Amino acid sequence: MVEGKLEGDARHPMQHGVTKTAQPWSFNKTGVPYYCGHTSLWFDVMPREWNLPLMSGRYGDFDAEGRVSGTPCMTFIRKRLPAN
């Protein structure tokens, strides 16, 4: 992101793909690099499907140059399952 290697950024010839529509695996946002979708799948979607919500992830906020401009990306790992 910082080097301008994402689709739609003219700063670098390499153009990694990003989501065109909001998806559950893209943190319900558009413009998320496909690579970052792994975080949502492995730490949010799949653990909930396995009924083991021990992990969760959050996609950050970035400026036009790809620098964190607010909340950073984070992954949370819990020590125990949440109470029902």
PDB file of N, CA and C in Angstrom:
ATOM      1  N   MET A   1       0.822  -1.185   0.000  1.00  0.00           N
ATOM      2  CA  MET A   1       0.000   0.000   0.000  1.00  0.00           C
ATOM      3  C   MET A   1       0.872   1.258   0.000  1.00  0.00           C
ATOM      4  N   VAL A   2       1.870   1.283   0.865  1.00  0.00           N
ATOM      5  CA  VAL A   2       2.731   2.450   0.977  1.00  0.00           C
ATOM      6  C   VAL A   2       3.512   2.664  -0.317  1.00  0.00           C
ATOM      7  N   GLU A   3       3.889   1.581  -0.983  1.00  0.00           N
ATOM      8  CA  GLU A   3       4.655   1.683  -2.218  1.00  0.00           C
ATOM      9  C   GLU A   3       3.780   1.903  -3.441  1.00  0.00           C
ATOM     10  N   GLY A   4       2.465   1.934  -3.281  1.00  0.00           N
ATOM     11  CA  GLY A   4       1.575   2.176  -4.410  1.00  0.00           C
ATOM     12  C   GLY A   4       1.369   0.969  -5.304  1.00  0.00           C
ATOM     13  N   LYS A   5       1.428  -0.237  -4.745  1.00  0.00           N
ATOM     14  CA  LYS A   5       1.341  -1.450  -5.555  1.00  0.00           C
ATOM     15  C   LYS A   5      -0.069  -2.021  -5.646  1.00  0.00           C
ATOM     16  N   LEU A   6      -1.081  -1.257  -5.268  1.00  0.00           N
ATOM     17  CA  LEU A   6      -2.449  -1.757  -5.353  1.00  0.00           C
ATOM     18  C   LEU A   6      -3.135  -1.257  -6.610  1.00  0.00           C
ATOM     19  N   GLU A   7      -4.060  -2.042  -7.095  1.00  0.00           N
ATOM     20  CA  GLU A   7      -4.836  -1.695  -8.275  1.00  0.00           C
ATOM     21  C   GLU A   7      -5.437  -0.296  -8.122  1.00  0.00           C
ATOM     22  N   GLY A   8      -5.285   0.514  -9.158  1.00  0.00           N
ATOM     23  CA  GLY A   8      -5.831   1.868  -9.154  1.00  0.00           C
ATOM     24  C   GLY A   8      -4.856   2.925  -8.673  1.00  0.00           C
ATOM     25  N   ASP A   9      -3.663   2.523  -8.236  1.00  0.00           N
ATOM     26  CA  ASP A   9      -2.647   3.467  -7.770  1.00  0.00           C
ATOM     27  C   ASP A   9      -1.595   3.580  -8.858  1.00  0.00           C
ATOM     28  N   ALA A  10      -1.392   4.769  -9.394  1.00  0.00           N
ATOM     29  CA  ALA A  10      -0.486   4.964 -10.531  1.00  0.00           C
ATOM     30  C   ALA A  10       0.979   5.106 -10.122  1.00  0.00           C
ATOM     31  N   ARG A  11       1.303   4.977  -8.852  1.00  0.00           N
ATOM     32  CA  ARG A  11       2.684   5.193  -8.407  1.00  0.00           C
ATOM     33  C   ARG A  11       3.617   4.027  -8.701  1.00  0.00           C
ATOM     34  N   HIS A  12       3.090   2.854  -9.029  1.00  0.00           N
ATOM     35  CA  HIS A  12       3.943   1.684  -9.249  1.00  0.00           C
ATOM     36  C   HIS A  12       3.304   0.820 -10.338  1.00  0.00           C
ATOM     37  N   PRO A  13       4.116   0.185 -11.196  1.00  0.00           N
ATOM     38  CA  PRO A  13       3.538  -0.644 -12.256  1.00  0.00           C
ATOM     39  C   PRO A  13       2.880  -1.936 -11.746  1.00  0.00           C
ATOM     40  N   MET A  14       3.285  -2.430 -10.579  1.00  0.00           N
ATOM     41  CA  MET A  14       2.661  -3.634 -10.026  1.00  0.00           C
ATOM     42  C   MET A  14       1.283  -3.253  -9.489  1.00  0.00           C
ATOM     43  N   GLN A  15       0.283  -4.036  -9.813  1.00  0.00           N
ATOM     44  CA  GLN A  15      -1.079  -3.702  -9.426  1.00  0.00           C
ATOM     45  C   GLN A  15      -1.762  -4.902  -8.778  1.00  0.00           C
ATOM     46  N   HIS A  16      -1.617  -5.054  -7.460  1.00  0.00           N
ATOM     47  CA  HIS A  16      -2.284  -6.135  -6.738  1.00  0.00           C
ATOM     48  C   HIS A  16      -3.776  -5.846  -6.691  1.00  0.00           C
ATOM     49  N   GLY A  17      -4.597  -6.883  -6.825  1.00  0.00           N
ATOM     50  CA  GLY A  17      -6.044  -6.729  -6.862  1.00  0.00           C
ATOM     51  C   GLY A  17      -6.649  -6.299  -5.533  1.00  0.00           C
ATOM     52  N   VAL A  18      -7.756  -5.577  -5.631  1.00  0.00           N
ATOM     53  CA  VAL A  18      -8.519  -5.141  -4.465  1.00  0.00           C
ATOM     54  C   VAL A  18      -9.993  -5.440  -4.706  1.00  0.00           C
ATOM     55  N   THR A  19     -10.773  -5.504  -3.631  1.00  0.00           N
ATOM     56  CA  THR A  19     -12.192  -5.809  -3.769  1.00  0.00           C
ATOM     57  C   THR A  19     -12.930  -4.658  -4.441  1.00  0.00           C
ATOM     58  N   LYS A  20     -13.848  -5.014  -5.318  1.00  0.00           N
ATOM     59  CA  LYS A  20     -14.678  -4.019  -6.017  1.00  0.00           C
ATOM     60  C   LYS A  20     -15.999  -3.791  -5.285  1.00  0.00           C
ATOM     61  N   THR A  21     -16.428  -4.810  -4.552  1.00  0.00           N
ATOM     62  CA  THR A  21     -17.663  -4.722  -3.766  1.00  0.00           C
ATOM     63  C   THR A  21     -17.369  -5.183  -2.348  1.00  0.00           C
ATOM     64  N   ALA A  22     -18.181  -4.731  -1.419  1.00  0.00           N
ATOM     65  CA  ALA A  22     -18.014  -5.143  -0.018  1.00  0.00           C
ATOM     66  C   ALA A  22     -18.406  -6.615   0.125  1.00  0.00           C
ATOM     67  N   GLN A  23     -17.574  -7.370   0.807  1.00  0.00           N
ATOM     68  CA  GLN A  23     -17.803  -8.793   1.033  1.00  0.00           C
ATOM     69  C   GLN A  23     -17.602  -9.087   2.512  1.00  0.00           C
ATOM     70  N   PRO A  24     -18.212 -10.161   3.031  1.00  0.00           N
ATOM     71  CA  PRO A  24     -17.965 -10.521   4.429  1.00  0.00           C
ATOM     72  C   PRO A  24     -16.480 -10.769   4.707  1.00  0.00           C
ATOM     73  N   TRP A  25     -15.773 -11.365   3.748  1.00  0.00           N
ATOM     74  CA  TRP A  25     -14.353 -11.669   3.925  1.00  0.00           C
ATOM     75  C   TRP A  25     -13.456 -10.469   3.664  1.00  0.00           C
ATOM     76  N   SER A  26     -14.026  -9.325   3.260  1.00  0.00           N
ATOM     77  CA  SER A  26     -13.230  -8.105   3.069  1.00  0.00           C
ATOM     78  C   SER A  26     -13.634  -7.045   4.094  1.00  0.00           C
ATOM     79  N   PHE A  27     -14.061  -7.520   5.271  1.00  0.00           N
ATOM     80  CA  PHE A  27     -14.459  -6.632   6.366  1.00  0.00           C
ATOM     81  C   PHE A  27     -15.627  -5.725   5.962  1.00  0.00           C
ATOM     82  N   ASN A  28     -16.416  -6.186   4.989  1.00  0.00           N
ATOM     83  CA  ASN A  28     -17.561  -5.437   4.462  1.00  0.00           C
ATOM     84  C   ASN A  28     -17.155  -4.073   3.913  1.00  0.00           C
ATOM     85  N   LYS A  29     -15.961  -4.025   3.307  1.00  0.00           N
ATOM     86  CA  LYS A  29     -15.442  -2.787   2.708  1.00  0.00           C
ATOM     87  C   LYS A  29     -15.021  -3.052   1.272  1.00  0.00           C
ATOM     88  N   THR A  30     -14.978  -2.000   0.472  1.00  0.00           N
ATOM     89  CA  THR A  30     -14.418  -2.083  -0.880  1.00  0.00           C
ATOM     90  C   THR A  30     -12.982  -1.573  -0.832  1.00  0.00           C
ATOM     91  N   GLY A  31     -12.194  -1.915  -1.853  1.00  0.00           N
ATOM     92  CA  GLY A  31     -10.820  -1.448  -1.940  1.00  0.00           C
ATOM     93  C   GLY A  31      -9.852  -2.173  -1.022  1.00  0.00           C
ATOM     94  N   VAL A  32     -10.274  -3.295  -0.443  1.00  0.00           N
ATOM     95  CA  VAL A  32      -9.408  -4.075   0.441  1.00  0.00           C
ATOM     96  C   VAL A  32      -8.550  -5.002  -0.432  1.00  0.00           C
ATOM     97  N   PRO A  33      -7.230  -5.014  -0.257  1.00  0.00           N
ATOM     98  CA  PRO A  33      -6.399  -5.935  -1.029  1.00  0.00           C
ATOM     99  C   PRO A  33      -6.844  -7.380  -0.791  1.00  0.00           C
ATOM    100  N   TYR A  34      -6.858  -8.159  -1.859  1.00  0.00           N
ATOM    101  CA  TYR A  34      -7.269  -9.561  -1.720  1.00  0.00           C
ATOM    102  C   TYR A  34      -6.428 -10.273  -0.665  1.00  0.00           C
ATOM    103  N   TYR A  35      -5.154  -9.943  -0.598  1.00  0.00           N
ATOM    104  CA  TYR A  35      -4.276 -10.573   0.389  1.00  0.00           C
ATOM    105  C   TYR A  35      -4.800 -10.347   1.810  1.00  0.00           C
ATOM    106  N   CYS A  36      -5.313  -9.160   2.092  1.00  0.00           N
ATOM    107  CA  CYS A  36      -5.814  -8.842   3.440  1.00  0.00           C
ATOM    108  C   CYS A  36      -7.078  -9.626   3.769  1.00  0.00           C
ATOM    109  N   GLY A  37      -7.765 -10.133   2.765  1.00  0.00           N
ATOM    110  CA  GLY A  37      -8.945 -10.961   2.995  1.00  0.00           C
ATOM    111  C   GLY A  37      -8.622 -12.233   3.754  1.00  0.00           C
ATOM    112  N   HIS A  38      -7.347 -12.688   3.689  1.00  0.00           N
ATOM    113  CA  HIS A  38      -6.951 -13.876   4.449  1.00  0.00           C
ATOM    114  C   HIS A  38      -7.155 -13.654   5.941  1.00  0.00           C
ATOM    115  N   THR A  39      -6.887 -12.455   6.405  1.00  0.00           N
ATOM    116  CA  THR A  39      -7.048 -12.158   7.834  1.00  0.00           C
ATOM    117  C   THR A  39      -8.493 -12.359   8.256  1.00  0.00           C
ATOM    118  N   SER A  40      -9.406 -11.819   7.487  1.00  0.00           N
ATOM    119  CA  SER A  40     -10.816 -11.972   7.826  1.00  0.00           C
ATOM    120  C   SER A  40     -11.243 -13.428   7.773  1.00  0.00           C
ATOM    121  N   LEU A  41     -10.830 -14.133   6.723  1.00  0.00           N
ATOM    122  CA  LEU A  41     -11.221 -15.542   6.594  1.00  0.00           C
ATOM    123  C   LEU A  41     -10.679 -16.390   7.733  1.00  0.00           C
ATOM    124  N   TRP A  42      -9.384 -16.280   8.012  1.00  0.00           N
ATOM    125  CA  TRP A  42      -8.756 -17.145   9.020  1.00  0.00           C
ATOM    126  C   TRP A  42      -9.045 -16.727  10.449  1.00  0.00           C
ATOM    127  N   PHE A  43      -9.279 -15.429  10.692  1.00  0.00           N
ATOM    128  CA  PHE A  43      -9.444 -14.970  12.067  1.00  0.00           C
ATOM    129  C   PHE A  43     -10.860 -14.551  12.418  1.00  0.00           C
ATOM    130  N   ASP A  44     -11.755 -14.463  11.444  1.00  0.00           N
ATOM    131  CA  ASP A  44     -13.147 -14.083  11.725  1.00  0.00           C
ATOM    132  C   ASP A  44     -14.135 -15.136  11.233  1.00  0.00           C
ATOM    133  N   VAL A  45     -14.207 -15.275   9.917  1.00  0.00           N
ATOM    134  CA  VAL A  45     -15.235 -16.095   9.281  1.00  0.00           C
ATOM    135  C   VAL A  45     -15.122 -17.569   9.660  1.00  0.00           C
ATOM    136  N   MET A  46     -13.969 -18.163   9.427  1.00  0.00           N
ATOM    137  CA  MET A  46     -13.828 -19.608   9.664  1.00  0.00           C
ATOM    138  C   MET A  46     -13.954 -19.992  11.145  1.00  0.00           C
ATOM    139  N   PRO A  47     -13.332 -19.283  12.096  1.00  0.00           N
ATOM    140  CA  PRO A  47     -13.538 -19.662  13.504  1.00  0.00           C
ATOM    141  C   PRO A  47     -15.009 -19.601  13.937  1.00  0.00           C
ATOM    142  N   ARG A  48     -15.757 -18.614  13.424  1.00  0.00           N
ATOM    143  CA  ARG A  48     -17.187 -18.558  13.766  1.00  0.00           C
ATOM    144  C   ARG A  48     -17.926 -19.748  13.169  1.00  0.00           C
ATOM    145  N   GLU A  49     -17.572 -20.144  11.944  1.00  0.00           N
ATOM    146  CA  GLU A  49     -18.208 -21.309  11.324  1.00  0.00           C
ATOM    147  C   GLU A  49     -17.889 -22.581  12.102  1.00  0.00           C
ATOM    148  N   TRP A  50     -16.714 -22.644  12.718  1.00  0.00           N
ATOM    149  CA  TRP A  50     -16.311 -23.803  13.509  1.00  0.00           C
ATOM    150  C   TRP A  50     -16.841 -23.720  14.942  1.00  0.00           C
ATOM    151  N   ASN A  51     -17.597 -22.662  15.239  1.00  0.00           N
ATOM    152  CA  ASN A  51     -18.115 -22.400  16.578  1.00  0.00           C
ATOM    153  C   ASN A  51     -16.977 -22.247  17.601  1.00  0.00           C
ATOM    154  N   LEU A  52     -15.884 -21.640  17.163  1.00  0.00           N
ATOM    155  CA  LEU A  52     -14.725 -21.351  18.016  1.00  0.00           C
ATOM    156  C   LEU A  52     -14.300 -19.890  17.826  1.00  0.00           C
ATOM    157  N   PRO A  53     -15.134 -18.946  18.249  1.00  0.00           N
ATOM    158  CA  PRO A  53     -14.821 -17.529  18.012  1.00  0.00           C
ATOM    159  C   PRO A  53     -13.721 -17.007  18.946  1.00  0.00           C
ATOM    160  N   LEU A  54     -12.531 -17.598  18.841  1.00  0.00           N
ATOM    161  CA  LEU A  54     -11.410 -17.185  19.679  1.00  0.00           C
ATOM    162  C   LEU A  54     -10.610 -16.046  19.065  1.00  0.00           C
ATOM    163  N   MET A  55     -10.838 -15.784  17.794  1.00  0.00           N
ATOM    164  CA  MET A  55     -10.045 -14.781  17.095  1.00  0.00           C
ATOM    165  C   MET A  55     -10.959 -13.815  16.357  1.00  0.00           C
ATOM    166  N   SER A  56     -10.442 -12.634  16.076  1.00  0.00           N
ATOM    167  CA  SER A  56     -11.153 -11.681  15.232  1.00  0.00           C
ATOM    168  C   SER A  56     -10.123 -10.731  14.636  1.00  0.00           C
ATOM    169  N   GLY A  57     -10.518 -10.049  13.586  1.00  0.00           N
ATOM    170  CA  GLY A  57      -9.613  -9.122  12.930  1.00  0.00           C
ATOM    171  C   GLY A  57     -10.329  -7.833  12.592  1.00  0.00           C
ATOM    172  N   ARG A  58      -9.537  -6.804  12.375  1.00  0.00           N
ATOM    173  CA  ARG A  58     -10.094  -5.494  12.003  1.00  0.00           C
ATOM    174  C   ARG A  58      -9.199  -4.887  10.929  1.00  0.00           C
ATOM    175  N   TYR A  59      -9.815  -4.393   9.861  1.00  0.00           N
ATOM    176  CA  TYR A  59      -9.081  -3.730   8.786  1.00  0.00           C
ATOM    177  C   TYR A  59      -8.950  -2.262   9.141  1.00  0.00           C
ATOM    178  N   GLY A  60      -7.791  -1.684   8.917  1.00  0.00           N
ATOM    179  CA  GLY A  60      -7.514  -0.309   9.321  1.00  0.00           C
ATOM    180  C   GLY A  60      -8.001   0.753   8.351  1.00  0.00           C
ATOM    181  N   ASP A  61      -7.624   1.982   8.662  1.00  0.00           N
ATOM    182  CA  ASP A  61      -7.941   3.157   7.846  1.00  0.00           C
ATOM    183  C   ASP A  61      -6.633   3.687   7.265  1.00  0.00           C
ATOM    184  N   PHE A  62      -6.639   3.971   5.948  1.00  0.00           N
ATOM    185  CA  PHE A  62      -5.420   4.375   5.267  1.00  0.00           C
ATOM    186  C   PHE A  62      -5.657   5.629   4.435  1.00  0.00           C
ATOM    187  N   ASP A  63      -4.590   6.441   4.270  1.00  0.00           N
ATOM    188  CA  ASP A  63      -4.698   7.627   3.424  1.00  0.00           C
ATOM    189  C   ASP A  63      -4.373   7.252   1.979  1.00  0.00           C
ATOM    190  N   ALA A  64      -4.331   8.221   1.091  1.00  0.00           N
ATOM    191  CA  ALA A  64      -4.111   7.967  -0.339  1.00  0.00           C
ATOM    192  C   ALA A  64      -2.746   7.355  -0.625  1.00  0.00           C
ATOM    193  N   GLU A  65      -1.776   7.552   0.251  1.00  0.00           N
ATOM    194  CA  GLU A  65      -0.443   6.985   0.058  1.00  0.00           C
ATOM    195  C   GLU A  65      -0.282   5.629   0.736  1.00  0.00           C
ATOM    196  N   GLY A  66      -1.346   5.094   1.335  1.00  0.00           N
ATOM    197  CA  GLY A  66      -1.299   3.788   1.954  1.00  0.00           C
ATOM    198  C   GLY A  66      -0.775   3.784   3.377  1.00  0.00           C
ATOM    199  N   ARG A  67      -0.653   4.966   3.985  1.00  0.00           N
ATOM    200  CA  ARG A  67      -0.212   5.031   5.380  1.00  0.00           C
ATOM    201  C   ARG A  67      -1.422   4.976   6.302  1.00  0.00           C
ATOM    202  N   VAL A  68      -1.224   4.412   7.476  1.00  0.00           N
ATOM    203  CA  VAL A  68      -2.315   4.347   8.464  1.00  0.00           C
ATOM    204  C   VAL A  68      -2.737   5.766   8.796  1.00  0.00           C
ATOM    205  N   SER A  69      -4.029   6.031   8.676  1.00  0.00           N
ATOM    206  CA  SER A  69      -4.541   7.378   8.943  1.00  0.00           C
ATOM    207  C   SER A  69      -5.570   7.381  10.067  1.00  0.00           C
ATOM    208  N   GLY A  70      -5.622   6.357  10.803  1.00  0.00           N
ATOM    209  CA  GLY A  70      -6.593   6.250  11.888  1.00  0.00           C
ATOM    210  C   GLY A  70      -6.366   4.934  12.602  1.00  0.00           C
ATOM    211  N   THR A  71      -7.354   4.096  12.571  1.00  0.00           N
ATOM    212  CA  THR A  71      -7.274   2.792  13.219  1.00  0.00           C
ATOM    213  C   THR A  71      -6.397   1.853  12.391  1.00  0.00           C
ATOM    214  N   PRO A  72      -5.393   1.212  12.992  1.00  0.00           N
ATOM    215  CA  PRO A  72      -4.563   0.262  12.239  1.00  0.00           C
ATOM    216  C   PRO A  72      -5.257  -1.087  12.091  1.00  0.00           C
ATOM    217  N   CYS A  73      -4.726  -1.934  11.203  1.00  0.00           N
ATOM    218  CA  CYS A  73      -5.198  -3.318  11.114  1.00  0.00           C
ATOM    219  C   CYS A  73      -4.804  -4.026  12.404  1.00  0.00           C
ATOM    220  N   MET A  74      -5.706  -4.844  12.919  1.00  0.00           N
ATOM    221  CA  MET A  74      -5.413  -5.555  14.159  1.00  0.00           C
ATOM    222  C   MET A  74      -6.013  -6.950  14.113  1.00  0.00           C
ATOM    223  N   THR A  75      -5.353  -7.879  14.803  1.00  0.00           N
ATOM    224  CA  THR A  75      -5.866  -9.224  14.989  1.00  0.00           C
ATOM    225  C   THR A  75      -5.942  -9.467  16.489  1.00  0.00           C
ATOM    226  N   PHE A  76      -7.076  -9.986  16.935  1.00  0.00           N
ATOM    227  CA  PHE A  76      -7.298 -10.238  18.357  1.00  0.00           C
ATOM    228  C   PHE A  76      -7.396 -11.745  18.587  1.00  0.00           C
ATOM    229  N   ILE A  77      -6.698 -12.228  19.593  1.00  0.00           N
ATOM    230  CA  ILE A  77      -6.764 -13.636  19.970  1.00  0.00           C
ATOM    231  C   ILE A  77      -7.159 -13.689  21.440  1.00  0.00           C
ATOM    232  N   ARG A  78      -8.276 -14.369  21.724  1.00  0.00           N
ATOM    233  CA  ARG A  78      -8.791 -14.452  23.080  1.00  0.00           C
ATOM    234  C   ARG A  78      -8.236 -15.675  23.803  1.00  0.00           C
ATOM    235  N   LYS A  79      -8.152 -15.593  25.102  1.00  0.00           N
ATOM    236  CA  LYS A  79      -7.679 -16.707  25.901  1.00  0.00           C
ATOM    237  C   LYS A  79      -8.763 -17.749  26.112  1.00  0.00           C
ATOM    238  N   ARG A  80     -10.022 -17.318  26.070  1.00  0.00           N
ATOM    239  CA  ARG A  80     -11.130 -18.265  26.273  1.00  0.00           C
ATOM    240  C   ARG A  80     -12.321 -17.825  25.416  1.00  0.00           C
ATOM    241  N   LEU A  81     -13.243 -18.726  25.209  1.00  0.00           N
ATOM    242  CA  LEU A  81     -14.439 -18.430  24.433  1.00  0.00           C
ATOM    243  C   LEU A  81     -15.277 -17.387  25.154  1.00  0.00           C
ATOM    244  N   PRO A  82     -15.950 -16.487  24.388  1.00  0.00           N
ATOM    245  CA  PRO A  82     -16.855 -15.539  25.011  1.00  0.00           C
ATOM    246  C   PRO A  82     -18.008 -16.252  25.685  1.00  0.00           C
ATOM    247  N   ALA A  83     -18.532 -15.664  26.749  1.00  0.00           N
ATOM    248  CA  ALA A  83     -19.677 -16.251  27.457  1.00  0.00           C
ATOM    249  C   ALA A  83     -20.906 -16.210  26.559  1.00  0.00           C
ATOM    250  N   ASN A  84     -21.728 -17.245  26.632  1.00  0.00           N
ATOM    251  CA  ASN A  84     -22.942 -17.295  25.800  1.00  0.00           C
ATOM    252  C   ASN A  84     -24.025 -16.453  26.363  1.00  0.00           C
TER     253      ASN A  84
END
